[in-house]
Each structure stands twice: as C-alpha cells, then as structure tokens.
Amino acid sequence: MPEKLTVSDEEVVDAVVSASRALVAVAARSLAGIGSDITLTQYRALVVLASRGGQRAADLAAALDVSPSTATRMCDRLVRKGLIERNRPDDDRRALDIVISDQGRVLLRQVTRQRRAEVGRILGAMPSAGREKLVVALRAFAEAAGEIPEQDWSLGWRE
C-alpha cells in the first residue's frame, strides 16, 4: 500500500504566502486596470464597509488593523474622492458612521469584475482535478481569517 504523503505546517504556510502574493498582485492590477488612484488599504476599507455596513472610525480602524488616526485620515481621503460618506445616526448626534457611497459601490463592482476575470484566467491554467479541494480549503481559510463570504455582501455584483 502506498504511503500517504503529509504536508508540513511550514509547507502549508509557504504555499499560502505564495498564493497571497499572487492574489495581492491581482488586486493591485485590478485597481490599476480601472484607472483608480486608491491604495490597497483604501480598497480594503471599501470592502469592509460594503461587507459589514456602516462603521465608526474606531471600528473600521480595528477591522483594518490600523490606528484610529490612520483610519480617520484615510476616511478623509475617501470622502474627498466621493467613495464614502459620513452620516450621523439619529440616535447619537455625537457619533459619525462611515458608509460606502454609491460611487464607492460602483468602484468595487468594477474592481471585482477585473479581479474575477483575472482569477478565472489563473484558475483556467490550473489542472481541474484539485479545484473542489481548493474551494473547501480557501473557504476554511477565509472563515478562519474572519472574512465574510463574498456572496453575502456582493449579491448582484456579478456582471
């Protein structure tokens, strides 16, 4: 009986780091492909707002793992670009909720379309035999990282 191969933790980490570099490159090219001048961190903020709804700046900072002052400066830039809005909730006049704007949603749709196309090309170059296992593994990885499944927040974004 053939011996079952096992993968060491180090090999798993190396494979995920390598795949993450490829995915970051896809994200960067997707942003560049739509002629946007937003950074990957700003893009990530838009994704967080689209997936989790309105946030206080402190909550957004925590979700992005940046300081509150960094999040505030980033939000100032995104407001100037028309990609997010600051709204006062009716129940607390002192608070400000940060929400993605319609223009921000349009940008996310464009970038998502670009990313899906490029990821599709990459997957097309892979052998089909391991795709089902890849889906299971990547969903488990995203869940462990605290990501909200894309279909939960991007319904209707596929074009």
N, C-alpha and C. Protein backbone atom coordinates (compact mmCIF):
# COMPACT_ATOMS: atom_id res chain seq x y z
N MET A 1 0.86 -1.17 0.00
CA MET A 1 0.00 0.00 0.00
C MET A 1 0.90 1.23 0.00
N PRO A 2 0.63 2.20 -0.90
CA PRO A 2 1.48 3.39 -0.93
C PRO A 2 1.31 4.21 0.35
N GLU A 3 2.41 4.81 0.76
CA GLU A 3 2.39 5.64 1.96
C GLU A 3 1.72 6.98 1.64
N LYS A 4 0.86 7.44 2.54
CA LYS A 4 0.17 8.71 2.34
C LYS A 4 1.12 9.86 2.64
N LEU A 5 1.20 10.79 1.71
CA LEU A 5 2.07 11.95 1.91
C LEU A 5 1.41 12.94 2.85
N THR A 6 2.19 13.55 3.70
CA THR A 6 1.68 14.60 4.56
C THR A 6 2.42 15.88 4.25
N VAL A 7 1.76 16.96 4.50
CA VAL A 7 2.34 18.28 4.25
C VAL A 7 2.64 18.91 5.60
N SER A 8 3.86 19.40 5.73
CA SER A 8 4.23 20.03 7.00
C SER A 8 3.56 21.40 7.12
N ASP A 9 3.45 21.86 8.36
CA ASP A 9 2.89 23.18 8.61
C ASP A 9 3.67 24.25 7.85
N GLU A 10 4.98 24.09 7.80
CA GLU A 10 5.81 25.07 7.10
C GLU A 10 5.49 25.11 5.60
N GLU A 11 5.25 23.95 5.01
CA GLU A 11 4.89 23.90 3.60
C GLU A 11 3.54 24.56 3.34
N VAL A 12 2.61 24.36 4.27
CA VAL A 12 1.29 24.99 4.14
C VAL A 12 1.45 26.51 4.22
N VAL A 13 2.20 26.99 5.19
CA VAL A 13 2.43 28.43 5.33
C VAL A 13 3.08 28.98 4.07
N ASP A 14 4.11 28.30 3.57
CA ASP A 14 4.78 28.77 2.36
C ASP A 14 3.83 28.83 1.17
N ALA A 15 2.98 27.82 1.03
CA ALA A 15 2.03 27.80 -0.09
C ALA A 15 1.02 28.93 0.03
N VAL A 16 0.52 29.19 1.23
CA VAL A 16 -0.47 30.25 1.43
C VAL A 16 0.18 31.62 1.20
N VAL A 17 1.39 31.81 1.70
CA VAL A 17 2.09 33.08 1.49
C VAL A 17 2.33 33.32 0.00
N SER A 18 2.72 32.29 -0.71
CA SER A 18 2.94 32.40 -2.15
C SER A 18 1.64 32.74 -2.87
N ALA A 19 0.55 32.05 -2.52
CA ALA A 19 -0.75 32.35 -3.13
C ALA A 19 -1.21 33.75 -2.77
N SER A 20 -0.94 34.19 -1.54
CA SER A 20 -1.37 35.53 -1.14
C SER A 20 -0.63 36.61 -1.93
N ARG A 21 0.64 36.37 -2.23
CA ARG A 21 1.38 37.32 -3.07
C ARG A 21 0.72 37.43 -4.45
N ALA A 22 0.34 36.29 -4.99
CA ALA A 22 -0.32 36.29 -6.30
C ALA A 22 -1.65 37.03 -6.22
N LEU A 23 -2.41 36.83 -5.16
CA LEU A 23 -3.71 37.48 -5.03
C LEU A 23 -3.58 38.98 -4.78
N VAL A 24 -2.56 39.39 -4.02
CA VAL A 24 -2.32 40.83 -3.83
C VAL A 24 -1.96 41.46 -5.17
N ALA A 25 -1.17 40.76 -5.96
CA ALA A 25 -0.82 41.28 -7.29
C ALA A 25 -2.06 41.41 -8.16
N VAL A 26 -2.96 40.44 -8.09
CA VAL A 26 -4.22 40.51 -8.85
C VAL A 26 -5.02 41.74 -8.39
N ALA A 27 -5.11 41.94 -7.08
CA ALA A 27 -5.85 43.10 -6.55
C ALA A 27 -5.22 44.40 -7.02
N ALA A 28 -3.90 44.50 -6.95
CA ALA A 28 -3.23 45.73 -7.38
C ALA A 28 -3.45 45.98 -8.87
N ARG A 29 -3.34 44.94 -9.69
CA ARG A 29 -3.57 45.11 -11.13
C ARG A 29 -5.02 45.47 -11.41
N SER A 30 -5.94 44.93 -10.64
CA SER A 30 -7.36 45.24 -10.83
C SER A 30 -7.64 46.71 -10.52
N LEU A 31 -7.02 47.23 -9.47
CA LEU A 31 -7.18 48.65 -9.15
C LEU A 31 -6.57 49.51 -10.25
N ALA A 32 -5.38 49.13 -10.69
CA ALA A 32 -4.71 49.89 -11.75
C ALA A 32 -5.50 49.80 -13.06
N GLY A 33 -6.14 48.66 -13.28
CA GLY A 33 -6.87 48.45 -14.53
C GLY A 33 -8.08 49.32 -14.70
N ILE A 34 -8.60 49.86 -13.61
CA ILE A 34 -9.77 50.75 -13.72
C ILE A 34 -9.35 52.21 -13.62
N GLY A 35 -8.04 52.43 -13.58
CA GLY A 35 -7.54 53.80 -13.54
C GLY A 35 -7.80 54.50 -12.22
N SER A 36 -7.91 53.73 -11.15
CA SER A 36 -8.20 54.30 -9.85
C SER A 36 -6.91 54.73 -9.16
N ASP A 37 -7.01 55.76 -8.35
CA ASP A 37 -5.85 56.20 -7.59
C ASP A 37 -5.99 55.83 -6.11
N ILE A 38 -6.81 54.83 -5.81
CA ILE A 38 -6.92 54.42 -4.42
C ILE A 38 -5.90 53.33 -4.12
N THR A 39 -5.49 53.28 -2.88
CA THR A 39 -4.50 52.30 -2.44
C THR A 39 -5.19 50.98 -2.09
N LEU A 40 -4.40 49.94 -1.91
CA LEU A 40 -4.97 48.67 -1.50
C LEU A 40 -5.64 48.78 -0.13
N THR A 41 -5.06 49.56 0.77
CA THR A 41 -5.68 49.73 2.10
C THR A 41 -7.00 50.47 1.99
N GLN A 42 -7.06 51.49 1.15
CA GLN A 42 -8.33 52.20 0.93
C GLN A 42 -9.37 51.26 0.31
N TYR A 43 -8.92 50.46 -0.64
CA TYR A 43 -9.81 49.47 -1.26
C TYR A 43 -10.34 48.51 -0.19
N ARG A 44 -9.45 48.05 0.68
CA ARG A 44 -9.85 47.14 1.75
C ARG A 44 -10.89 47.80 2.65
N ALA A 45 -10.74 49.09 2.93
CA ALA A 45 -11.73 49.81 3.74
C ALA A 45 -13.09 49.80 3.05
N LEU A 46 -13.10 50.00 1.74
CA LEU A 46 -14.37 49.96 1.00
C LEU A 46 -15.00 48.57 1.09
N VAL A 47 -14.18 47.54 1.00
CA VAL A 47 -14.70 46.16 1.10
C VAL A 47 -15.29 45.93 2.48
N VAL A 48 -14.59 46.39 3.52
CA VAL A 48 -15.11 46.22 4.89
C VAL A 48 -16.44 46.94 5.05
N LEU A 49 -16.54 48.15 4.55
CA LEU A 49 -17.79 48.91 4.66
C LEU A 49 -18.91 48.25 3.86
N ALA A 50 -18.58 47.72 2.69
CA ALA A 50 -19.60 47.05 1.87
C ALA A 50 -20.06 45.75 2.53
N SER A 51 -19.15 45.05 3.16
CA SER A 51 -19.49 43.75 3.73
C SER A 51 -20.10 43.83 5.12
N ARG A 52 -19.70 44.82 5.90
CA ARG A 52 -20.14 44.89 7.29
C ARG A 52 -21.07 46.05 7.58
N GLY A 53 -21.30 46.89 6.60
CA GLY A 53 -22.18 48.03 6.81
C GLY A 53 -21.43 49.19 7.45
N GLY A 54 -22.19 50.23 7.79
CA GLY A 54 -21.62 51.43 8.38
C GLY A 54 -20.83 51.13 9.63
N GLN A 55 -19.76 51.88 9.81
CA GLN A 55 -18.85 51.67 10.94
C GLN A 55 -18.47 53.02 11.53
N ARG A 56 -18.16 53.01 12.81
CA ARG A 56 -17.48 54.16 13.40
C ARG A 56 -16.03 54.07 12.96
N ALA A 57 -15.33 55.18 12.94
CA ALA A 57 -13.93 55.19 12.51
C ALA A 57 -13.09 54.24 13.37
N ALA A 58 -13.36 54.19 14.65
CA ALA A 58 -12.60 53.30 15.54
C ALA A 58 -12.83 51.83 15.17
N ASP A 59 -14.07 51.49 14.81
CA ASP A 59 -14.37 50.10 14.41
C ASP A 59 -13.71 49.76 13.07
N LEU A 60 -13.73 50.71 12.16
CA LEU A 60 -13.07 50.50 10.88
C LEU A 60 -11.57 50.34 11.08
N ALA A 61 -10.99 51.15 11.94
CA ALA A 61 -9.56 51.03 12.24
C ALA A 61 -9.24 49.64 12.78
N ALA A 62 -10.08 49.15 13.68
CA ALA A 62 -9.86 47.82 14.25
C ALA A 62 -9.97 46.74 13.17
N ALA A 63 -10.96 46.88 12.30
CA ALA A 63 -11.15 45.89 11.23
C ALA A 63 -9.97 45.88 10.27
N LEU A 64 -9.36 47.04 10.06
CA LEU A 64 -8.22 47.15 9.14
C LEU A 64 -6.88 46.96 9.84
N ASP A 65 -6.92 46.89 11.17
CA ASP A 65 -5.72 46.77 11.99
C ASP A 65 -4.77 47.95 11.76
N VAL A 66 -5.36 49.15 11.79
CA VAL A 66 -4.58 50.38 11.71
C VAL A 66 -4.97 51.26 12.90
N SER A 67 -4.19 52.29 13.15
CA SER A 67 -4.52 53.19 14.25
C SER A 67 -5.76 54.01 13.89
N PRO A 68 -6.50 54.47 14.90
CA PRO A 68 -7.67 55.31 14.62
C PRO A 68 -7.31 56.57 13.83
N SER A 69 -6.15 57.17 14.10
CA SER A 69 -5.78 58.38 13.36
C SER A 69 -5.50 58.05 11.89
N THR A 70 -4.91 56.90 11.62
CA THR A 70 -4.68 56.48 10.23
C THR A 70 -6.02 56.25 9.53
N ALA A 71 -6.96 55.61 10.22
CA ALA A 71 -8.27 55.37 9.63
C ALA A 71 -8.99 56.68 9.35
N THR A 72 -8.87 57.63 10.26
CA THR A 72 -9.53 58.93 10.06
C THR A 72 -8.95 59.64 8.85
N ARG A 73 -7.63 59.66 8.71
CA ARG A 73 -7.01 60.30 7.53
C ARG A 73 -7.41 59.60 6.24
N MET A 74 -7.45 58.28 6.29
CA MET A 74 -7.85 57.53 5.11
C MET A 74 -9.30 57.85 4.75
N CYS A 75 -10.16 57.94 5.75
CA CYS A 75 -11.57 58.27 5.50
C CYS A 75 -11.69 59.69 4.93
N ASP A 76 -10.89 60.61 5.41
CA ASP A 76 -10.91 61.97 4.84
C ASP A 76 -10.63 61.92 3.34
N ARG A 77 -9.64 61.12 2.96
CA ARG A 77 -9.29 61.00 1.52
C ARG A 77 -10.43 60.35 0.74
N LEU A 78 -11.02 59.32 1.31
CA LEU A 78 -12.11 58.62 0.61
C LEU A 78 -13.37 59.48 0.51
N VAL A 79 -13.62 60.32 1.51
CA VAL A 79 -14.74 61.26 1.42
C VAL A 79 -14.49 62.25 0.30
N ARG A 80 -13.26 62.79 0.22
CA ARG A 80 -12.92 63.75 -0.86
C ARG A 80 -13.08 63.11 -2.24
N LYS A 81 -12.82 61.81 -2.34
CA LYS A 81 -12.95 61.11 -3.61
C LYS A 81 -14.39 60.69 -3.89
N GLY A 82 -15.28 60.92 -2.92
CA GLY A 82 -16.69 60.57 -3.09
C GLY A 82 -16.99 59.09 -2.92
N LEU A 83 -16.06 58.33 -2.33
CA LEU A 83 -16.24 56.88 -2.23
C LEU A 83 -16.90 56.44 -0.93
N ILE A 84 -16.86 57.30 0.09
CA ILE A 84 -17.56 57.03 1.34
C ILE A 84 -18.25 58.31 1.79
N GLU A 85 -19.14 58.15 2.75
CA GLU A 85 -19.84 59.30 3.35
C GLU A 85 -19.82 59.14 4.86
N ARG A 86 -19.89 60.27 5.54
CA ARG A 86 -20.02 60.24 7.00
C ARG A 86 -21.45 60.68 7.32
N ASN A 87 -22.13 59.87 8.11
CA ASN A 87 -23.51 60.16 8.49
C ASN A 87 -23.65 60.14 10.00
N ARG A 88 -24.50 61.00 10.49
CA ARG A 88 -24.82 60.99 11.93
C ARG A 88 -26.03 60.10 12.15
N PRO A 89 -25.89 59.10 13.01
CA PRO A 89 -27.06 58.28 13.34
C PRO A 89 -28.09 59.12 14.08
N ASP A 90 -29.36 58.83 13.88
CA ASP A 90 -30.43 59.58 14.54
C ASP A 90 -30.38 59.45 16.05
N ASP A 91 -29.90 58.32 16.55
CA ASP A 91 -29.95 58.07 17.98
C ASP A 91 -28.73 58.59 18.75
N ASP A 92 -27.70 59.09 18.05
CA ASP A 92 -26.50 59.59 18.73
C ASP A 92 -25.87 60.70 17.89
N ARG A 93 -26.16 61.94 18.27
CA ARG A 93 -25.69 63.08 17.48
C ARG A 93 -24.19 63.28 17.58
N ARG A 94 -23.54 62.64 18.56
CA ARG A 94 -22.08 62.78 18.69
C ARG A 94 -21.33 61.83 17.78
N ALA A 95 -21.95 60.73 17.42
CA ALA A 95 -21.28 59.69 16.63
C ALA A 95 -21.34 60.01 15.14
N LEU A 96 -20.39 59.45 14.40
CA LEU A 96 -20.39 59.52 12.94
C LEU A 96 -20.21 58.10 12.41
N ASP A 97 -21.12 57.70 11.56
CA ASP A 97 -20.98 56.41 10.90
C ASP A 97 -20.36 56.65 9.53
N ILE A 98 -19.45 55.78 9.16
CA ILE A 98 -18.83 55.85 7.85
C ILE A 98 -19.50 54.78 7.01
N VAL A 99 -20.02 55.18 5.85
CA VAL A 99 -20.70 54.25 4.96
C VAL A 99 -20.13 54.40 3.55
N ILE A 100 -20.20 53.32 2.80
CA ILE A 100 -19.75 53.38 1.42
C ILE A 100 -20.80 54.12 0.59
N SER A 101 -20.35 54.94 -0.33
CA SER A 101 -21.26 55.71 -1.18
C SER A 101 -21.62 54.90 -2.42
N ASP A 102 -22.58 55.41 -3.18
CA ASP A 102 -22.93 54.76 -4.45
C ASP A 102 -21.72 54.70 -5.37
N GLN A 103 -20.96 55.78 -5.40
CA GLN A 103 -19.75 55.81 -6.24
C GLN A 103 -18.72 54.78 -5.76
N GLY A 104 -18.63 54.58 -4.45
CA GLY A 104 -17.74 53.56 -3.91
C GLY A 104 -18.19 52.17 -4.31
N ARG A 105 -19.50 51.94 -4.31
CA ARG A 105 -20.03 50.63 -4.74
C ARG A 105 -19.74 50.38 -6.22
N VAL A 106 -19.85 51.42 -7.02
CA VAL A 106 -19.53 51.28 -8.46
C VAL A 106 -18.07 50.88 -8.62
N LEU A 107 -17.19 51.55 -7.88
CA LEU A 107 -15.77 51.23 -7.95
C LEU A 107 -15.53 49.78 -7.54
N LEU A 108 -16.16 49.34 -6.45
CA LEU A 108 -16.00 47.95 -6.00
C LEU A 108 -16.48 46.98 -7.07
N ARG A 109 -17.59 47.28 -7.72
CA ARG A 109 -18.09 46.40 -8.79
C ARG A 109 -17.08 46.30 -9.92
N GLN A 110 -16.50 47.44 -10.30
CA GLN A 110 -15.52 47.43 -11.38
C GLN A 110 -14.29 46.61 -11.01
N VAL A 111 -13.77 46.84 -9.82
CA VAL A 111 -12.58 46.11 -9.38
C VAL A 111 -12.90 44.62 -9.25
N THR A 112 -14.06 44.30 -8.69
CA THR A 112 -14.46 42.91 -8.54
C THR A 112 -14.55 42.22 -9.90
N ARG A 113 -15.11 42.90 -10.87
CA ARG A 113 -15.20 42.34 -12.22
C ARG A 113 -13.80 42.04 -12.77
N GLN A 114 -12.88 42.99 -12.60
CA GLN A 114 -11.49 42.80 -13.06
C GLN A 114 -10.84 41.62 -12.33
N ARG A 115 -11.01 41.58 -11.02
CA ARG A 115 -10.39 40.52 -10.22
C ARG A 115 -10.94 39.15 -10.60
N ARG A 116 -12.26 39.06 -10.76
CA ARG A 116 -12.87 37.78 -11.11
C ARG A 116 -12.36 37.29 -12.46
N ALA A 117 -12.21 38.21 -13.41
CA ALA A 117 -11.72 37.83 -14.73
C ALA A 117 -10.29 37.29 -14.65
N GLU A 118 -9.43 37.99 -13.91
CA GLU A 118 -8.04 37.54 -13.82
C GLU A 118 -7.92 36.25 -13.02
N VAL A 119 -8.65 36.13 -11.92
CA VAL A 119 -8.61 34.89 -11.15
C VAL A 119 -9.14 33.74 -12.01
N GLY A 120 -10.16 34.00 -12.80
CA GLY A 120 -10.68 32.98 -13.70
C GLY A 120 -9.64 32.51 -14.70
N ARG A 121 -8.86 33.44 -15.22
CA ARG A 121 -7.78 33.06 -16.14
C ARG A 121 -6.72 32.21 -15.43
N ILE A 122 -6.39 32.58 -14.21
CA ILE A 122 -5.40 31.81 -13.45
C ILE A 122 -5.93 30.40 -13.17
N LEU A 123 -7.17 30.32 -12.72
CA LEU A 123 -7.76 29.01 -12.44
C LEU A 123 -7.85 28.16 -13.70
N GLY A 124 -8.09 28.81 -14.84
CA GLY A 124 -8.15 28.08 -16.10
C GLY A 124 -6.82 27.43 -16.47
N ALA A 125 -5.73 27.98 -15.93
CA ALA A 125 -4.41 27.41 -16.20
C ALA A 125 -4.06 26.28 -15.24
N MET A 126 -4.90 26.06 -14.23
CA MET A 126 -4.67 25.00 -13.24
C MET A 126 -5.34 23.72 -13.69
N PRO A 127 -4.79 22.58 -13.27
CA PRO A 127 -5.49 21.31 -13.52
C PRO A 127 -6.83 21.30 -12.78
N SER A 128 -7.86 20.80 -13.40
CA SER A 128 -9.20 20.84 -12.80
C SER A 128 -9.36 19.85 -11.65
N ALA A 129 -8.49 18.88 -11.55
CA ALA A 129 -8.64 17.81 -10.55
C ALA A 129 -8.70 18.33 -9.11
N GLY A 130 -7.95 19.36 -8.77
CA GLY A 130 -7.89 19.81 -7.39
C GLY A 130 -8.79 20.98 -7.05
N ARG A 131 -9.62 21.41 -7.98
CA ARG A 131 -10.42 22.63 -7.73
C ARG A 131 -11.41 22.49 -6.59
N GLU A 132 -12.07 21.34 -6.46
CA GLU A 132 -13.04 21.16 -5.38
C GLU A 132 -12.36 21.27 -4.02
N LYS A 133 -11.20 20.62 -3.89
CA LYS A 133 -10.44 20.71 -2.65
C LYS A 133 -9.97 22.14 -2.41
N LEU A 134 -9.61 22.84 -3.47
CA LEU A 134 -9.18 24.24 -3.36
C LEU A 134 -10.31 25.11 -2.81
N VAL A 135 -11.53 24.90 -3.30
CA VAL A 135 -12.69 25.67 -2.82
C VAL A 135 -12.89 25.45 -1.32
N VAL A 136 -12.86 24.20 -0.90
CA VAL A 136 -13.06 23.87 0.52
C VAL A 136 -11.95 24.51 1.36
N ALA A 137 -10.70 24.36 0.91
CA ALA A 137 -9.57 24.90 1.67
C ALA A 137 -9.61 26.41 1.76
N LEU A 138 -9.90 27.07 0.65
CA LEU A 138 -9.91 28.54 0.66
C LEU A 138 -11.08 29.09 1.47
N ARG A 139 -12.22 28.44 1.41
CA ARG A 139 -13.34 28.89 2.25
C ARG A 139 -13.01 28.74 3.73
N ALA A 140 -12.38 27.63 4.10
CA ALA A 140 -11.99 27.43 5.50
C ALA A 140 -10.96 28.46 5.92
N PHE A 141 -10.02 28.77 5.04
CA PHE A 141 -9.00 29.78 5.34
C PHE A 141 -9.65 31.15 5.54
N ALA A 142 -10.53 31.54 4.63
CA ALA A 142 -11.20 32.85 4.73
C ALA A 142 -12.04 32.94 6.00
N GLU A 143 -12.73 31.86 6.32
CA GLU A 143 -13.54 31.85 7.54
C GLU A 143 -12.66 32.00 8.78
N ALA A 144 -11.54 31.27 8.80
CA ALA A 144 -10.62 31.36 9.94
C ALA A 144 -10.04 32.76 10.07
N ALA A 145 -9.92 33.47 8.94
CA ALA A 145 -9.39 34.83 8.95
C ALA A 145 -10.47 35.86 9.28
N GLY A 146 -11.73 35.41 9.42
CA GLY A 146 -12.81 36.33 9.78
C GLY A 146 -13.44 37.04 8.61
N GLU A 147 -13.18 36.55 7.40
CA GLU A 147 -13.79 37.16 6.22
C GLU A 147 -15.24 36.72 6.08
N ILE A 148 -16.06 37.65 5.64
CA ILE A 148 -17.45 37.35 5.35
C ILE A 148 -17.50 36.84 3.92
N PRO A 149 -18.15 35.69 3.69
CA PRO A 149 -18.20 35.17 2.32
C PRO A 149 -18.72 36.23 1.35
N GLU A 150 -18.06 36.33 0.21
CA GLU A 150 -18.38 37.39 -0.75
C GLU A 150 -19.84 37.38 -1.17
N GLN A 151 -20.43 36.21 -1.36
CA GLN A 151 -21.80 36.20 -1.83
C GLN A 151 -22.75 36.84 -0.84
N ASP A 152 -22.37 36.94 0.44
CA ASP A 152 -23.22 37.55 1.44
C ASP A 152 -23.30 39.07 1.29
N TRP A 153 -22.31 39.69 0.65
CA TRP A 153 -22.34 41.15 0.54
C TRP A 153 -22.28 41.64 -0.88
N SER A 154 -22.01 40.76 -1.81
CA SER A 154 -21.84 41.23 -3.18
C SER A 154 -22.92 40.73 -4.12
N LEU A 155 -24.04 40.29 -3.58
CA LEU A 155 -25.11 39.80 -4.44
C LEU A 155 -25.44 40.85 -5.50
N GLY A 156 -25.52 40.40 -6.71
CA GLY A 156 -25.83 41.32 -7.79
C GLY A 156 -24.63 42.02 -8.37
N TRP A 157 -23.44 41.76 -7.84
CA TRP A 157 -22.25 42.46 -8.34
C TRP A 157 -21.65 41.77 -9.55
N ARG A 158 -22.05 40.52 -9.80
CA ARG A 158 -21.51 39.82 -10.96
C ARG A 158 -22.21 40.32 -12.20
N GLU A 159 -21.41 40.62 -13.18
CA GLU A 159 -21.98 41.14 -14.42
C GLU A 159 -21.49 40.35 -15.57
